[in-house]
PDB file of all heavy atoms in Angstrom:
ATOM      1  N   ASP A   1     -23.926  81.673   6.387  1.00  0.00           N
ATOM      2  CA  ASP A   1     -24.451  80.382   5.939  1.00  0.00           C
ATOM      3  C   ASP A   1     -25.579  80.555   4.936  1.00  0.00           C
ATOM      4  O   ASP A   1     -25.694  79.794   3.968  1.00  0.00           O
ATOM      5  CB  ASP A   1     -24.951  79.561   7.137  1.00  0.00           C
ATOM      6  CG  ASP A   1     -23.808  79.058   8.009  1.00  0.00           C
ATOM      7  OD1 ASP A   1     -22.688  78.906   7.477  1.00  0.00           O
ATOM      8  OD2 ASP A   1     -24.034  78.828   9.207  1.00  0.00           O
ATOM      9  N   SER A   2     -26.419  81.576   5.169  1.00  0.00           N
ATOM     10  CA  SER A   2     -27.590  81.771   4.312  1.00  0.00           C
ATOM     11  C   SER A   2     -27.191  82.010   2.861  1.00  0.00           C
ATOM     12  O   SER A   2     -27.713  81.375   1.936  1.00  0.00           O
ATOM     13  CB  SER A   2     -28.423  82.945   4.832  1.00  0.00           C
ATOM     14  OG  SER A   2     -29.503  83.219   3.969  1.00  0.00           O
ATOM     15  N   TYR A   3     -26.250  82.916   2.645  1.00  0.00           N
ATOM     16  CA  TYR A   3     -25.865  83.239   1.272  1.00  0.00           C
ATOM     17  C   TYR A   3     -25.087  82.091   0.612  1.00  0.00           C
ATOM     18  O   TYR A   3     -25.185  81.887  -0.600  1.00  0.00           O
ATOM     19  CB  TYR A   3     -25.047  84.528   1.240  1.00  0.00           C
ATOM     20  CG  TYR A   3     -25.914  85.758   1.198  1.00  0.00           C
ATOM     21  CD1 TYR A   3     -25.989  86.628   2.279  1.00  0.00           C
ATOM     22  CD2 TYR A   3     -26.681  86.055   0.072  1.00  0.00           C
ATOM     23  CE1 TYR A   3     -26.785  87.760   2.242  1.00  0.00           C
ATOM     24  CE2 TYR A   3     -27.485  87.185   0.035  1.00  0.00           C
ATOM     25  CZ  TYR A   3     -27.534  88.037   1.119  1.00  0.00           C
ATOM     26  OH  TYR A   3     -28.334  89.145   1.065  1.00  0.00           O
ATOM     27  N   GLN A   4     -24.298  81.359   1.404  1.00  0.00           N
ATOM     28  CA  GLN A   4     -23.615  80.199   0.835  1.00  0.00           C
ATOM     29  C   GLN A   4     -24.620  79.184   0.303  1.00  0.00           C
ATOM     30  O   GLN A   4     -24.462  78.641  -0.804  1.00  0.00           O
ATOM     31  CB  GLN A   4     -22.721  79.543   1.896  1.00  0.00           C
ATOM     32  CG  GLN A   4     -21.505  80.358   2.270  1.00  0.00           C
ATOM     33  CD  GLN A   4     -20.607  79.626   3.253  1.00  0.00           C
ATOM     34  OE1 GLN A   4     -20.136  78.527   2.997  1.00  0.00           O
ATOM     35  NE2 GLN A   4     -20.382  80.243   4.400  1.00  0.00           N
ATOM     36  N   GLN A   5     -25.675  78.929   1.079  1.00  0.00           N
ATOM     37  CA  GLN A   5     -26.690  77.980   0.646  1.00  0.00           C
ATOM     38  C   GLN A   5     -27.470  78.512  -0.555  1.00  0.00           C
ATOM     39  O   GLN A   5     -27.818  77.753  -1.472  1.00  0.00           O
ATOM     40  CB  GLN A   5     -27.638  77.674   1.809  1.00  0.00           C
ATOM     41  CG  GLN A   5     -26.951  76.938   2.946  1.00  0.00           C
ATOM     42  CD  GLN A   5     -27.878  76.634   4.103  1.00  0.00           C
ATOM     43  OE1 GLN A   5     -28.849  75.900   3.951  1.00  0.00           O
ATOM     44  NE2 GLN A   5     -27.588  77.194   5.273  1.00  0.00           N
ATOM     45  N   LEU A   6     -27.731  79.819  -0.568  1.00  0.00           N
ATOM     46  CA  LEU A   6     -28.421  80.420  -1.708  1.00  0.00           C
ATOM     47  C   LEU A   6     -27.615  80.230  -2.991  1.00  0.00           C
ATOM     48  O   LEU A   6     -28.157  79.823  -4.029  1.00  0.00           O
ATOM     49  CB  LEU A   6     -28.636  81.911  -1.453  1.00  0.00           C
ATOM     50  CG  LEU A   6     -29.161  82.733  -2.638  1.00  0.00           C
ATOM     51  CD1 LEU A   6     -30.568  82.297  -3.023  1.00  0.00           C
ATOM     52  CD2 LEU A   6     -29.119  84.222  -2.322  1.00  0.00           C
ATOM     53  N   ILE A   7     -26.320  80.529  -2.936  1.00  0.00           N
ATOM     54  CA  ILE A   7     -25.474  80.395  -4.122  1.00  0.00           C
ATOM     55  C   ILE A   7     -25.434  78.943  -4.594  1.00  0.00           C
ATOM     56  O   ILE A   7     -25.503  78.667  -5.802  1.00  0.00           O
ATOM     57  CB  ILE A   7     -24.059  80.931  -3.823  1.00  0.00           C
ATOM     58  CG1 ILE A   7     -24.110  82.452  -3.623  1.00  0.00           C
ATOM     59  CG2 ILE A   7     -23.096  80.577  -4.953  1.00  0.00           C
ATOM     60  CD1 ILE A   7     -22.809  83.050  -3.116  1.00  0.00           C
ATOM     61  N   CYS A   8     -25.359  77.991  -3.665  1.00  0.00           N
ATOM     62  CA  CYS A   8     -25.357  76.566  -4.045  1.00  0.00           C
ATOM     63  C   CYS A   8     -26.649  76.189  -4.759  1.00  0.00           C
ATOM     64  O   CYS A   8     -26.629  75.466  -5.773  1.00  0.00           O
ATOM     65  CB  CYS A   8     -25.160  75.692  -2.809  1.00  0.00           C
ATOM     66  SG  CYS A   8     -23.480  75.728  -2.139  1.00  0.00           S
ATOM     67  N   GLU A   9     -27.777  76.671  -4.250  1.00  0.00           N
ATOM     68  CA  GLU A   9     -29.071  76.372  -4.884  1.00  0.00           C
ATOM     69  C   GLU A   9     -29.148  76.981  -6.286  1.00  0.00           C
ATOM     70  O   GLU A   9     -29.646  76.361  -7.227  1.00  0.00           O
ATOM     71  CB  GLU A   9     -30.220  76.911  -4.020  1.00  0.00           C
ATOM     72  CG  GLU A   9     -30.413  76.185  -2.697  1.00  0.00           C
ATOM     73  CD  GLU A   9     -30.843  74.734  -2.906  1.00  0.00           C
ATOM     74  OE1 GLU A   9     -31.652  74.479  -3.822  1.00  0.00           O
ATOM     75  OE2 GLU A   9     -30.343  73.871  -2.169  1.00  0.00           O
ATOM     76  N   LEU A  10     -28.654  78.201  -6.438  1.00  0.00           N
ATOM     77  CA  LEU A  10     -28.684  78.855  -7.743  1.00  0.00           C
ATOM     78  C   LEU A  10     -27.780  78.141  -8.740  1.00  0.00           C
ATOM     79  O   LEU A  10     -28.127  77.984  -9.917  1.00  0.00           O
ATOM     80  CB  LEU A  10     -28.261  80.314  -7.607  1.00  0.00           C
ATOM     81  CG  LEU A  10     -29.257  81.247  -6.910  1.00  0.00           C
ATOM     82  CD1 LEU A  10     -28.624  82.598  -6.645  1.00  0.00           C
ATOM     83  CD2 LEU A  10     -30.526  81.408  -7.743  1.00  0.00           C
ATOM     84  N   MET A  11     -26.633  77.668  -8.282  1.00  0.00           N
ATOM     85  CA  MET A  11     -25.721  76.966  -9.181  1.00  0.00           C
ATOM     86  C   MET A  11     -26.315  75.644  -9.647  1.00  0.00           C
ATOM     87  O   MET A  11     -26.082  75.214 -10.781  1.00  0.00           O
ATOM     88  CB  MET A  11     -24.372  76.739  -8.499  1.00  0.00           C
ATOM     89  CG  MET A  11     -23.585  78.007  -8.214  1.00  0.00           C
ATOM     90  SD  MET A  11     -23.337  79.061  -9.676  1.00  0.00           S
ATOM     91  CE  MET A  11     -22.324  77.997 -10.690  1.00  0.00           C
ATOM     92  N   LYS A  12     -27.098  74.996  -8.797  1.00  0.00           N
ATOM     93  CA  LYS A  12     -27.789  73.765  -9.224  1.00  0.00           C
ATOM     94  C   LYS A  12     -28.730  74.061 -10.383  1.00  0.00           C
ATOM     95  O   LYS A  12     -28.802  73.304 -11.361  1.00  0.00           O
ATOM     96  CB  LYS A  12     -28.591  73.182  -8.055  1.00  0.00           C
ATOM     97  CG  LYS A  12     -27.754  72.561  -6.949  1.00  0.00           C
ATOM     98  CD  LYS A  12     -28.657  72.056  -5.831  1.00  0.00           C
ATOM     99  CE  LYS A  12     -27.842  71.556  -4.650  1.00  0.00           C
ATOM    100  NZ  LYS A  12     -28.730  71.144  -3.515  1.00  0.00           N
ATOM    101  N   LEU A  13     -29.475  75.183 -10.292  1.00  0.00           N
ATOM    102  CA  LEU A  13     -30.385  75.563 -11.371  1.00  0.00           C
ATOM    103  C   LEU A  13     -29.608  75.942 -12.632  1.00  0.00           C
ATOM    104  O   LEU A  13     -30.016  75.623 -13.748  1.00  0.00           O
ATOM    105  CB  LEU A  13     -31.263  76.738 -10.930  1.00  0.00           C
ATOM    106  CG  LEU A  13     -32.288  76.453  -9.830  1.00  0.00           C
ATOM    107  CD1 LEU A  13     -33.026  77.735  -9.476  1.00  0.00           C
ATOM    108  CD2 LEU A  13     -33.276  75.382 -10.262  1.00  0.00           C
ATOM    109  N   ALA A  14     -28.480  76.628 -12.447  1.00  0.00           N
ATOM    110  CA  ALA A  14     -27.695  77.073 -13.600  1.00  0.00           C
ATOM    111  C   ALA A  14     -27.180  75.894 -14.413  1.00  0.00           C
ATOM    112  O   ALA A  14     -27.070  75.982 -15.640  1.00  0.00           O
ATOM    113  CB  ALA A  14     -26.529  77.944 -13.141  1.00  0.00           C
ATOM    114  N   ARG A  15     -26.863  74.805 -13.732  1.00  0.00           N
ATOM    115  CA  ARG A  15     -26.367  73.628 -14.455  1.00  0.00           C
ATOM    116  C   ARG A  15     -27.447  72.970 -15.303  1.00  0.00           C
ATOM    117  O   ARG A  15     -27.151  72.173 -16.192  1.00  0.00           O
ATOM    118  CB  ARG A  15     -25.777  72.624 -13.457  1.00  0.00           C
ATOM    119  CG  ARG A  15     -24.434  73.056 -12.881  1.00  0.00           C
ATOM    120  CD  ARG A  15     -23.748  71.923 -12.145  1.00  0.00           C
ATOM    121  NE  ARG A  15     -24.398  71.634 -10.872  1.00  0.00           N
ATOM    122  CZ  ARG A  15     -24.055  72.196  -9.718  1.00  0.00           C
ATOM    123  NH1 ARG A  15     -23.079  73.102  -9.696  1.00  0.00           N
ATOM    124  NH2 ARG A  15     -24.667  71.874  -8.603  1.00  0.00           N
ATOM    125  N   GLN A  16     -28.714  73.341 -15.031  1.00  0.00           N
ATOM    126  CA  GLN A  16     -29.824  72.760 -15.780  1.00  0.00           C
ATOM    127  C   GLN A  16     -30.243  73.606 -16.973  1.00  0.00           C
ATOM    128  O   GLN A  16     -31.022  73.144 -17.808  1.00  0.00           O
ATOM    129  CB  GLN A  16     -31.036  72.575 -14.854  1.00  0.00           C
ATOM    130  CG  GLN A  16     -30.774  71.708 -13.629  1.00  0.00           C
ATOM    131  CD  GLN A  16     -31.924  71.763 -12.636  1.00  0.00           C
ATOM    132  OE1 GLN A  16     -33.042  72.130 -12.977  1.00  0.00           O
ATOM    133  NE2 GLN A  16     -31.637  71.408 -11.396  1.00  0.00           N
ATOM    134  N   SER A  17     -29.743  74.824 -17.067  1.00  0.00           N
ATOM    135  CA  SER A  17     -30.237  75.738 -18.099  1.00  0.00           C
ATOM    136  C   SER A  17     -29.155  76.707 -18.543  1.00  0.00           C
ATOM    137  O   SER A  17     -28.577  77.422 -17.722  1.00  0.00           O
ATOM    138  CB  SER A  17     -31.445  76.526 -17.569  1.00  0.00           C
ATOM    139  OG  SER A  17     -31.808  77.549 -18.450  1.00  0.00           O
ATOM    140  N   ASP A  18     -28.869  76.745 -19.844  1.00  0.00           N
ATOM    141  CA  ASP A  18     -27.871  77.671 -20.374  1.00  0.00           C
ATOM    142  C   ASP A  18     -28.302  79.125 -20.173  1.00  0.00           C
ATOM    143  O   ASP A  18     -27.457  80.009 -20.000  1.00  0.00           O
ATOM    144  CB  ASP A  18     -27.653  77.413 -21.872  1.00  0.00           C
ATOM    145  CG  ASP A  18     -26.956  76.089 -22.119  1.00  0.00           C
ATOM    146  OD1 ASP A  18     -26.310  75.568 -21.189  1.00  0.00           O
ATOM    147  OD2 ASP A  18     -27.076  75.562 -23.242  1.00  0.00           O
ATOM    148  N   GLU A  19     -29.632  79.385 -20.212  1.00  0.00           N
ATOM    149  CA  GLU A  19     -30.115  80.759 -20.053  1.00  0.00           C
ATOM    150  C   GLU A  19     -29.792  81.333 -18.679  1.00  0.00           C
ATOM    151  O   GLU A  19     -29.760  82.545 -18.492  1.00  0.00           O
ATOM    152  CB  GLU A  19     -31.626  80.846 -20.274  1.00  0.00           C
ATOM    153  CG  GLU A  19     -32.086  80.511 -21.672  1.00  0.00           C
ATOM    154  CD  GLU A  19     -32.546  79.065 -21.791  1.00  0.00           C
ATOM    155  OE1 GLU A  19     -32.120  78.221 -20.967  1.00  0.00           O
ATOM    156  OE2 GLU A  19     -33.328  78.775 -22.701  1.00  0.00           O
ATOM    157  N   LEU A  20     -29.560  80.444 -17.710  1.00  0.00           N
ATOM    158  CA  LEU A  20     -29.355  80.897 -16.339  1.00  0.00           C
ATOM    159  C   LEU A  20     -27.894  81.030 -15.957  1.00  0.00           C
ATOM    160  O   LEU A  20     -27.568  81.691 -14.971  1.00  0.00           O
ATOM    161  CB  LEU A  20     -30.023  79.924 -15.362  1.00  0.00           C
ATOM    162  CG  LEU A  20     -31.534  79.760 -15.475  1.00  0.00           C
ATOM    163  CD1 LEU A  20     -32.020  78.739 -14.470  1.00  0.00           C
ATOM    164  CD2 LEU A  20     -32.223  81.084 -15.241  1.00  0.00           C
ATOM    165  N   CYS A  21     -27.004  80.418 -16.713  1.00  0.00           N
ATOM    166  CA  CYS A  21     -25.618  80.281 -16.272  1.00  0.00           C
ATOM    167  C   CYS A  21     -24.959  81.629 -15.994  1.00  0.00           C
ATOM    168  O   CYS A  21     -24.447  81.867 -14.894  1.00  0.00           O
ATOM    169  CB  CYS A  21     -24.831  79.500 -17.310  1.00  0.00           C
ATOM    170  SG  CYS A  21     -23.163  79.078 -16.740  1.00  0.00           S
ATOM    171  N   ASP A  22     -24.964  82.548 -16.974  1.00  0.00           N
ATOM    172  CA  ASP A  22     -24.261  83.823 -16.790  1.00  0.00           C
ATOM    173  C   ASP A  22     -24.893  84.685 -15.710  1.00  0.00           C
ATOM    174  O   ASP A  22     -24.193  85.273 -14.880  1.00  0.00           O
ATOM    175  CB  ASP A  22     -24.222  84.598 -18.109  1.00  0.00           C
ATOM    176  CG  ASP A  22     -23.223  84.015 -19.087  1.00  0.00           C
ATOM    177  OD1 ASP A  22     -22.355  83.245 -18.642  1.00  0.00           O
ATOM    178  OD2 ASP A  22     -23.323  84.317 -20.291  1.00  0.00           O
ATOM    179  N   GLN A  23     -26.237  84.768 -15.704  1.00  0.00           N
ATOM    180  CA  GLN A  23     -26.862  85.642 -14.724  1.00  0.00           C
ATOM    181  C   GLN A  23     -26.705  85.101 -13.311  1.00  0.00           C
ATOM    182  O   GLN A  23     -26.579  85.884 -12.365  1.00  0.00           O
ATOM    183  CB  GLN A  23     -28.335  85.882 -15.058  1.00  0.00           C
ATOM    184  CG  GLN A  23     -29.217  84.646 -15.056  1.00  0.00           C
ATOM    185  CD  GLN A  23     -30.663  85.013 -15.333  1.00  0.00           C
ATOM    186  OE1 GLN A  23     -31.212  85.920 -14.732  1.00  0.00           O
ATOM    187  NE2 GLN A  23     -31.273  84.315 -16.269  1.00  0.00           N
ATOM    188  N   VAL A  24     -26.656  83.783 -13.139  1.00  0.00           N
ATOM    189  CA  VAL A  24     -26.408  83.220 -11.818  1.00  0.00           C
ATOM    190  C   VAL A  24     -24.999  83.579 -11.347  1.00  0.00           C
ATOM    191  O   VAL A  24     -24.784  83.892 -10.172  1.00  0.00           O
ATOM    192  CB  VAL A  24     -26.608  81.685 -11.825  1.00  0.00           C
ATOM    193  CG1 VAL A  24     -25.991  81.050 -10.577  1.00  0.00           C
ATOM    194  CG2 VAL A  24     -28.095  81.353 -11.882  1.00  0.00           C
ATOM    195  N   LYS A  25     -24.027  83.591 -12.267  1.00  0.00           N
ATOM    196  CA  LYS A  25     -22.664  83.972 -11.891  1.00  0.00           C
ATOM    197  C   LYS A  25     -22.633  85.418 -11.397  1.00  0.00           C
ATOM    198  O   LYS A  25     -22.040  85.729 -10.363  1.00  0.00           O
ATOM    199  CB  LYS A  25     -21.730  83.803 -13.085  1.00  0.00           C
ATOM    200  CG  LYS A  25     -21.462  82.352 -13.470  1.00  0.00           C
ATOM    201  CD  LYS A  25     -20.572  82.276 -14.698  1.00  0.00           C
ATOM    202  CE  LYS A  25     -20.335  80.839 -15.128  1.00  0.00           C
ATOM    203  NZ  LYS A  25     -19.512  80.767 -16.368  1.00  0.00           N
ATOM    204  N   TYR A  26     -23.256  86.326 -12.152  1.00  0.00           N
ATOM    205  CA  TYR A  26     -23.269  87.732 -11.745  1.00  0.00           C
ATOM    206  C   TYR A  26     -24.025  87.919 -10.427  1.00  0.00           C
ATOM    207  O   TYR A  26     -23.589  88.670  -9.548  1.00  0.00           O
ATOM    208  CB  TYR A  26     -23.908  88.592 -12.835  1.00  0.00           C
ATOM    209  CG  TYR A  26     -22.981  88.916 -13.982  1.00  0.00           C
ATOM    210  CD1 TYR A  26     -23.220  88.416 -15.248  1.00  0.00           C
ATOM    211  CD2 TYR A  26     -21.876  89.736 -13.790  1.00  0.00           C
ATOM    212  CE1 TYR A  26     -22.369  88.713 -16.308  1.00  0.00           C
ATOM    213  CE2 TYR A  26     -21.022  90.037 -14.839  1.00  0.00           C
ATOM    214  CZ  TYR A  26     -21.276  89.524 -16.098  1.00  0.00           C
ATOM    215  OH  TYR A  26     -20.440  89.822 -17.131  1.00  0.00           O
ATOM    216  N   TYR A  27     -25.170  87.258 -10.301  1.00  0.00           N
ATOM    217  CA  TYR A  27     -25.956  87.391  -9.072  1.00  0.00           C
ATOM    218  C   TYR A  27     -25.189  86.825  -7.884  1.00  0.00           C
ATOM    219  O   TYR A  27     -25.270  87.358  -6.773  1.00  0.00           O
ATOM    220  CB  TYR A  27     -27.291  86.664  -9.227  1.00  0.00           C
ATOM    221  CG  TYR A  27     -28.249  86.941  -8.084  1.00  0.00           C
ATOM    222  CD1 TYR A  27     -29.058  88.061  -8.091  1.00  0.00           C
ATOM    223  CD2 TYR A  27     -28.327  86.081  -6.994  1.00  0.00           C
ATOM    224  CE1 TYR A  27     -29.928  88.325  -7.043  1.00  0.00           C
ATOM    225  CE2 TYR A  27     -29.191  86.339  -5.947  1.00  0.00           C
ATOM    226  CZ  TYR A  27     -29.993  87.452  -5.975  1.00  0.00           C
ATOM    227  OH  TYR A  27     -30.841  87.708  -4.943  1.00  0.00           O
ATOM    228  N   SER A  28     -24.425  85.760  -8.102  1.00  0.00           N
ATOM    229  CA  SER A  28     -23.653  85.162  -7.013  1.00  0.00           C
ATOM    230  C   SER A  28     -22.582  86.116  -6.511  1.00  0.00           C
ATOM    231  O   SER A  28     -22.267  86.148  -5.320  1.00  0.00           O
ATOM    232  CB  SER A  28     -23.024  83.842  -7.478  1.00  0.00           C
ATOM    233  OG  SER A  28     -24.019  82.882  -7.772  1.00  0.00           O
ATOM    234  N   VAL A  29     -21.992  86.911  -7.416  1.00  0.00           N
ATOM    235  CA  VAL A  29     -21.025  87.926  -6.988  1.00  0.00           C
ATOM    236  C   VAL A  29     -21.711  88.942  -6.077  1.00  0.00           C
ATOM    237  O   VAL A  29     -21.184  89.325  -5.022  1.00  0.00           O
ATOM    238  CB  VAL A  29     -20.403  88.632  -8.214  1.00  0.00           C
ATOM    239  CG1 VAL A  29     -19.566  89.826  -7.779  1.00  0.00           C
ATOM    240  CG2 VAL A  29     -19.554  87.648  -9.005  1.00  0.00           C
ATOM    241  N   ALA A  30     -22.915  89.379  -6.478  1.00  0.00           N
ATOM    242  CA  ALA A  30     -23.666  90.326  -5.647  1.00  0.00           C
ATOM    243  C   ALA A  30     -24.036  89.688  -4.308  1.00  0.00           C
ATOM    244  O   ALA A  30     -23.991  90.340  -3.263  1.00  0.00           O
ATOM    245  CB  ALA A  30     -24.935  90.769  -6.384  1.00  0.00           C
ATOM    246  N   ALA A  31     -24.408  88.399  -4.333  1.00  0.00           N
ATOM    247  CA  ALA A  31     -24.773  87.701  -3.102  1.00  0.00           C
ATOM    248  C   ALA A  31     -23.573  87.570  -2.170  1.00  0.00           C
ATOM    249  O   ALA A  31     -23.697  87.735  -0.946  1.00  0.00           O
ATOM    250  CB  ALA A  31     -25.343  86.322  -3.431  1.00  0.00           C
ATOM    251  N   ALA A  32     -22.398  87.295  -2.746  1.00  0.00           N
ATOM    252  CA  ALA A  32     -21.194  87.191  -1.922  1.00  0.00           C
ATOM    253  C   ALA A  32     -20.872  88.531  -1.271  1.00  0.00           C
ATOM    254  O   ALA A  32     -20.449  88.607  -0.111  1.00  0.00           O
ATOM    255  CB  ALA A  32     -20.025  86.714  -2.774  1.00  0.00           C
ATOM    256  N   ARG A  33     -21.097  89.611  -2.014  1.00  0.00           N
ATOM    257  CA  ARG A  33     -20.878  90.955  -1.471  1.00  0.00           C
ATOM    258  C   ARG A  33     -21.832  91.219  -0.308  1.00  0.00           C
ATOM    259  O   ARG A  33     -21.439  91.754   0.731  1.00  0.00           O
ATOM    260  CB  ARG A  33     -21.066  91.988  -2.588  1.00  0.00           C
ATOM    261  CG  ARG A  33     -20.798  93.411  -2.157  1.00  0.00           C
ATOM    262  CD  ARG A  33     -21.016  94.377  -3.316  1.00  0.00           C
ATOM    263  NE  ARG A  33     -20.082  94.125  -4.405  1.00  0.00           N
ATOM    264  CZ  ARG A  33     -20.426  93.603  -5.586  1.00  0.00           C
ATOM    265  NH1 ARG A  33     -21.694  93.281  -5.815  1.00  0.00           N
ATOM    266  NH2 ARG A  33     -19.536  93.413  -6.517  1.00  0.00           N
ATOM    267  N   ASP A  34     -23.108  90.844  -0.485  1.00  0.00           N
ATOM    268  CA  ASP A  34     -24.081  91.047   0.591  1.00  0.00           C
ATOM    269  C   ASP A  34     -23.774  90.152   1.790  1.00  0.00           C
ATOM    270  O   ASP A  34     -24.044  90.519   2.936  1.00  0.00           O
ATOM    271  CB  ASP A  34     -25.495  90.772   0.079  1.00  0.00           C
ATOM    272  CG  ASP A  34     -26.020  91.887  -0.805  1.00  0.00           C
ATOM    273  OD1 ASP A  34     -25.502  93.012  -0.690  1.00  0.00           O
ATOM    274  OD2 ASP A  34     -26.940  91.650  -1.602  1.00  0.00           O
ATOM    275  N   MET A  35     -23.233  88.964   1.525  1.00  0.00           N
ATOM    276  CA  MET A  35     -22.834  88.070   2.613  1.00  0.00           C
ATOM    277  C   MET A  35     -21.788  88.751   3.498  1.00  0.00           C
ATOM    278  O   MET A  35     -21.864  88.709   4.731  1.00  0.00           O
ATOM    279  CB  MET A  35     -22.275  86.768   2.050  1.00  0.00           C
ATOM    280  CG  MET A  35     -21.752  85.803   3.112  1.00  0.00           C
ATOM    281  SD  MET A  35     -21.120  84.274   2.375  1.00  0.00           S
ATOM    282  CE  MET A  35     -19.605  84.894   1.624  1.00  0.00           C
TER     283      MET A  35
END
């Protein structure tokens, strides 16, 4: 549950900023792996 909520929060930020979009995608892959 923790990592699912983390990824959702990061995706909300990514939708607000082009600078964040790609790195949030890569970080989310790492987060899913850690999950």
